């Protein structure tokens, strides 16, 4: 079932304000479990984890910056 525009806006806000900081803490914790790798490898790990985080939420974030398609245009 597809989410409405307003529901996607609300979920995207929750994901960005709660989910992203929690994911950052988890990513830093996982990387720190191992001995600190070189700068380039560490950067590659964080970039990869950042892309991996965004993939499941693509559908929620798609079109959020656009005007509400369900709202009728005011004349």
Protein backbone atom coordinates (compact mmCIF):
# COMPACT_ATOMS: atom_id res chain seq x y z
CA UNK A 1 0.00 0.00 0.00
CA UNK A 2 1.38 3.39 -1.01
CA UNK A 3 1.75 6.13 1.58
CA UNK A 4 0.08 9.46 1.07
CA UNK A 5 2.19 12.56 0.54
CA UNK A 6 1.55 13.81 4.09
CA UNK A 7 2.43 10.42 5.59
CA UNK A 8 5.66 10.29 3.59
CA UNK A 9 6.55 13.81 4.81
CA UNK A 10 5.95 12.80 8.42
CA UNK A 11 7.89 9.55 8.10
CA UNK A 12 10.78 11.30 6.39
CA UNK A 13 10.98 13.78 9.26
CA UNK A 14 10.98 10.97 11.83
CA UNK A 15 13.61 9.06 9.87
CA UNK A 16 15.88 12.10 9.61
CA UNK A 17 15.48 13.30 13.20
CA UNK A 18 15.54 9.93 14.99
CA UNK A 19 16.79 7.28 12.59
CA UNK A 20 19.78 9.05 11.08
CA UNK A 21 21.43 10.02 14.40
CA UNK A 22 20.85 6.50 15.73
CA UNK A 23 22.36 5.02 12.58
CA UNK A 24 25.40 7.32 12.88
CA UNK A 25 25.99 6.15 16.45
CA UNK A 26 25.71 2.51 15.37
CA UNK A 27 28.04 3.02 12.39
CA UNK A 28 30.71 4.73 14.51
CA UNK A 29 30.41 2.04 17.17
CA UNK A 30 30.80 -0.77 14.62
CA UNK A 31 33.85 0.86 13.02
CA UNK A 32 35.43 1.42 16.46
CA UNK A 33 35.08 -2.27 17.41
CA UNK A 34 37.98 -2.96 15.10
CA UNK A 35 41.35 -1.28 15.16
CA UNK A 36 41.08 2.06 13.43
CA UNK A 37 41.74 1.53 9.70
CA UNK A 38 43.55 4.00 7.47
CA UNK A 39 41.84 7.25 6.56
CA UNK A 40 40.87 6.23 3.03
CA UNK A 41 39.45 2.87 4.15
CA UNK A 42 37.56 4.49 7.01
CA UNK A 43 36.12 7.11 4.64
CA UNK A 44 35.08 4.36 2.22
CA UNK A 45 33.36 2.45 5.05
CA UNK A 46 31.39 5.53 6.13
CA UNK A 47 30.40 6.41 2.56
CA UNK A 48 29.30 2.82 1.96
CA UNK A 49 27.29 2.74 5.19
CA UNK A 50 25.70 6.09 4.30
CA UNK A 51 24.55 4.79 0.94
CA UNK A 52 23.40 1.54 2.51
CA UNK A 53 21.32 3.51 5.04
CA UNK A 54 19.53 5.54 2.38
CA UNK A 55 18.54 2.71 0.03
CA UNK A 56 15.62 1.27 2.04
CA UNK A 57 14.08 4.72 2.49
CA UNK A 58 14.22 5.81 -1.15
CA UNK A 59 10.48 5.47 -1.59
CA UNK A 60 9.75 7.55 1.52
CA UNK A 61 12.01 10.44 0.47
CA UNK A 62 11.05 10.49 -3.22
CA UNK A 63 9.19 13.70 -4.10
CA UNK A 64 9.15 15.18 -0.60
CA UNK A 65 10.68 18.48 -1.77
CA UNK A 66 7.97 18.96 -4.38
CA UNK A 67 4.56 20.52 -3.94
CA UNK A 68 1.76 18.30 -2.65
CA UNK A 69 0.39 16.49 -5.72
CA UNK A 70 -2.94 15.82 -3.99
CA UNK A 71 -3.63 19.47 -3.21
CA UNK A 72 -5.71 21.34 -5.77
CA UNK A 73 -4.14 24.42 -7.26
CA UNK A 74 -5.61 27.67 -5.94
CA UNK A 75 -6.97 29.88 -8.68
